[in-house]
């Protein structure tokens, strides 16, 4: 899947990522493989938008 990350807002990206985690991926390593996204790029984009991975819920959550 190629979502052209540089063109997506963090809010849209987190929705796509969390849906993939919920439906297809058991953890974020599987997510990276499924979406074929460089780890650093995805983490940076979501962090800049205020989201962090929560392994307990297997979702990216807003940083509080």
N, C-alpha and C. Protein backbone atom coordinates (compact mmCIF):
# COMPACT_ATOMS: atom_id res chain seq x y z
N UNK A 1 0.84 -1.18 0.00
CA UNK A 1 0.00 0.00 0.00
C UNK A 1 0.87 1.23 0.00
N UNK A 2 0.56 2.16 -0.86
CA UNK A 2 1.31 3.41 -0.90
C UNK A 2 0.36 4.55 -0.63
N UNK A 3 0.45 5.12 0.55
CA UNK A 3 -0.45 6.21 0.92
C UNK A 3 0.17 7.58 0.70
N UNK A 4 1.37 7.64 0.12
CA UNK A 4 2.08 8.90 -0.05
C UNK A 4 2.04 9.69 1.25
N UNK A 5 2.75 9.18 2.22
CA UNK A 5 2.72 9.72 3.58
C UNK A 5 2.94 11.22 3.67
N UNK A 6 3.78 11.74 2.83
CA UNK A 6 4.08 13.17 2.93
C UNK A 6 2.87 14.03 2.63
N UNK A 7 1.86 13.47 2.01
CA UNK A 7 0.67 14.24 1.65
C UNK A 7 -0.49 14.04 2.62
N UNK A 8 -0.35 13.13 3.56
CA UNK A 8 -1.43 12.87 4.51
C UNK A 8 -1.22 13.63 5.80
N UNK A 9 -2.31 14.11 6.37
CA UNK A 9 -2.21 14.73 7.70
C UNK A 9 -2.04 13.61 8.72
N UNK A 10 -1.50 13.95 9.88
CA UNK A 10 -1.32 12.96 10.94
C UNK A 10 -2.63 12.34 11.40
N UNK A 11 -3.70 13.14 11.40
CA UNK A 11 -5.00 12.63 11.83
C UNK A 11 -5.56 11.59 10.86
N UNK A 12 -5.36 11.80 9.59
CA UNK A 12 -5.81 10.81 8.60
C UNK A 12 -4.93 9.58 8.66
N UNK A 13 -3.62 9.80 8.77
CA UNK A 13 -2.69 8.68 8.83
C UNK A 13 -2.96 7.80 10.03
N UNK A 14 -3.20 8.38 11.20
CA UNK A 14 -3.45 7.57 12.39
C UNK A 14 -4.73 6.75 12.22
N UNK A 15 -5.71 7.27 11.53
CA UNK A 15 -6.93 6.50 11.26
C UNK A 15 -6.65 5.28 10.40
N UNK A 16 -5.85 5.47 9.35
CA UNK A 16 -5.48 4.35 8.47
C UNK A 16 -4.67 3.31 9.23
N UNK A 17 -3.68 3.78 9.97
CA UNK A 17 -2.79 2.90 10.71
C UNK A 17 -3.56 2.12 11.77
N UNK A 18 -4.40 2.79 12.54
CA UNK A 18 -5.16 2.09 13.58
C UNK A 18 -6.14 1.09 13.00
N UNK A 19 -6.72 1.40 11.85
CA UNK A 19 -7.60 0.42 11.20
C UNK A 19 -6.82 -0.82 10.80
N UNK A 20 -5.64 -0.64 10.25
CA UNK A 20 -4.81 -1.78 9.87
C UNK A 20 -4.42 -2.60 11.10
N UNK A 21 -4.07 -1.92 12.18
CA UNK A 21 -3.72 -2.62 13.42
C UNK A 21 -4.91 -3.41 13.96
N UNK A 22 -6.08 -2.82 13.90
CA UNK A 22 -7.29 -3.46 14.42
C UNK A 22 -7.68 -4.69 13.58
N UNK A 23 -7.58 -4.57 12.27
CA UNK A 23 -8.11 -5.61 11.39
C UNK A 23 -7.09 -6.63 10.89
N UNK A 24 -5.82 -6.22 10.76
CA UNK A 24 -4.88 -7.10 10.07
C UNK A 24 -3.56 -7.37 10.78
N UNK A 25 -3.18 -6.55 11.73
CA UNK A 25 -1.83 -6.64 12.31
C UNK A 25 -1.87 -6.85 13.82
N UNK A 26 -1.08 -7.80 14.28
CA UNK A 26 -1.03 -8.10 15.71
C UNK A 26 -0.15 -7.13 16.48
N UNK A 27 0.75 -6.43 15.79
CA UNK A 27 1.65 -5.48 16.43
C UNK A 27 2.18 -4.51 15.39
N UNK A 28 2.96 -3.54 15.84
CA UNK A 28 3.40 -2.53 14.88
C UNK A 28 4.45 -3.05 13.92
N UNK A 29 5.19 -4.09 14.27
CA UNK A 29 6.13 -4.68 13.32
C UNK A 29 5.38 -5.27 12.13
N UNK A 30 4.27 -5.93 12.40
CA UNK A 30 3.44 -6.46 11.32
C UNK A 30 2.85 -5.32 10.48
N UNK A 31 2.54 -4.21 11.13
CA UNK A 31 2.02 -3.05 10.42
C UNK A 31 3.04 -2.52 9.42
N UNK A 32 4.29 -2.38 9.86
CA UNK A 32 5.34 -1.88 8.96
C UNK A 32 5.46 -2.78 7.74
N UNK A 33 5.40 -4.08 7.97
CA UNK A 33 5.48 -5.03 6.86
C UNK A 33 4.26 -4.91 5.95
N UNK A 34 3.09 -4.85 6.54
CA UNK A 34 1.83 -4.79 5.78
C UNK A 34 1.76 -3.54 4.90
N UNK A 35 2.13 -2.41 5.46
CA UNK A 35 2.03 -1.14 4.73
C UNK A 35 3.28 -0.81 3.94
N UNK A 36 4.36 -1.55 4.17
CA UNK A 36 5.63 -1.30 3.50
C UNK A 36 6.06 0.15 3.69
N UNK A 37 6.05 0.57 4.95
CA UNK A 37 6.40 1.94 5.33
C UNK A 37 7.68 1.91 6.14
N UNK A 38 8.65 2.78 5.83
CA UNK A 38 9.85 2.84 6.68
C UNK A 38 9.48 3.21 8.11
N UNK A 39 10.01 2.47 9.06
CA UNK A 39 9.68 2.65 10.48
C UNK A 39 9.89 4.09 10.92
N UNK A 40 11.04 4.65 10.60
CA UNK A 40 11.36 6.01 11.06
C UNK A 40 10.38 7.03 10.51
N UNK A 41 10.00 6.88 9.27
CA UNK A 41 9.10 7.84 8.63
C UNK A 41 7.72 7.83 9.28
N UNK A 42 7.19 6.63 9.50
CA UNK A 42 5.87 6.51 10.12
C UNK A 42 5.89 7.05 11.55
N UNK A 43 6.88 6.63 12.33
CA UNK A 43 6.96 7.08 13.71
C UNK A 43 7.12 8.60 13.80
N UNK A 44 7.93 9.18 12.94
CA UNK A 44 8.14 10.62 12.96
C UNK A 44 6.86 11.36 12.60
N UNK A 45 6.19 10.91 11.57
CA UNK A 45 4.95 11.57 11.12
C UNK A 45 3.89 11.52 12.22
N UNK A 46 3.72 10.37 12.85
CA UNK A 46 2.70 10.25 13.90
C UNK A 46 3.10 10.99 15.17
N UNK A 47 4.38 10.97 15.51
CA UNK A 47 4.86 11.70 16.67
C UNK A 47 4.65 13.21 16.50
N UNK A 48 4.95 13.71 15.31
CA UNK A 48 4.75 15.13 15.03
C UNK A 48 3.28 15.53 15.13
N UNK A 49 2.40 14.59 14.85
CA UNK A 49 0.96 14.84 14.94
C UNK A 49 0.43 14.63 16.36
N UNK A 50 1.31 14.16 17.28
CA UNK A 50 0.90 14.00 18.67
C UNK A 50 0.40 12.61 19.03
N UNK A 51 0.87 11.58 18.31
CA UNK A 51 0.43 10.21 18.58
C UNK A 51 1.61 9.32 18.93
N UNK A 52 1.36 8.34 19.80
CA UNK A 52 2.37 7.38 20.22
C UNK A 52 1.71 5.99 20.26
N UNK A 53 2.50 4.97 19.94
CA UNK A 53 1.99 3.59 19.94
C UNK A 53 1.80 3.08 21.35
N UNK A 54 0.65 2.47 21.59
CA UNK A 54 0.35 1.84 22.87
C UNK A 54 0.25 0.33 22.63
N UNK A 55 1.24 -0.44 23.09
CA UNK A 55 1.23 -1.88 22.82
C UNK A 55 0.08 -2.63 23.50
N UNK A 56 -0.44 -2.09 24.58
CA UNK A 56 -1.54 -2.77 25.27
C UNK A 56 -2.80 -2.77 24.42
N UNK A 57 -3.11 -1.63 23.83
CA UNK A 57 -4.31 -1.55 22.97
C UNK A 57 -4.00 -1.83 21.51
N UNK A 58 -2.70 -1.94 21.17
CA UNK A 58 -2.27 -2.14 19.79
C UNK A 58 -2.83 -1.04 18.88
N UNK A 59 -2.75 0.19 19.36
CA UNK A 59 -3.25 1.35 18.64
C UNK A 59 -2.32 2.53 18.89
N UNK A 60 -2.35 3.49 17.97
CA UNK A 60 -1.67 4.75 18.21
C UNK A 60 -2.65 5.66 18.93
N UNK A 61 -2.21 6.24 20.04
CA UNK A 61 -3.05 7.08 20.87
C UNK A 61 -2.45 8.48 20.97
N UNK A 62 -3.30 9.43 21.26
CA UNK A 62 -2.86 10.80 21.42
C UNK A 62 -1.98 10.92 22.66
N UNK A 63 -0.86 11.62 22.53
CA UNK A 63 0.05 11.85 23.65
C UNK A 63 -0.58 12.88 24.56
N UNK A 64 -0.66 12.55 25.84
CA UNK A 64 -1.26 13.49 26.81
C UNK A 64 -0.23 14.02 27.75
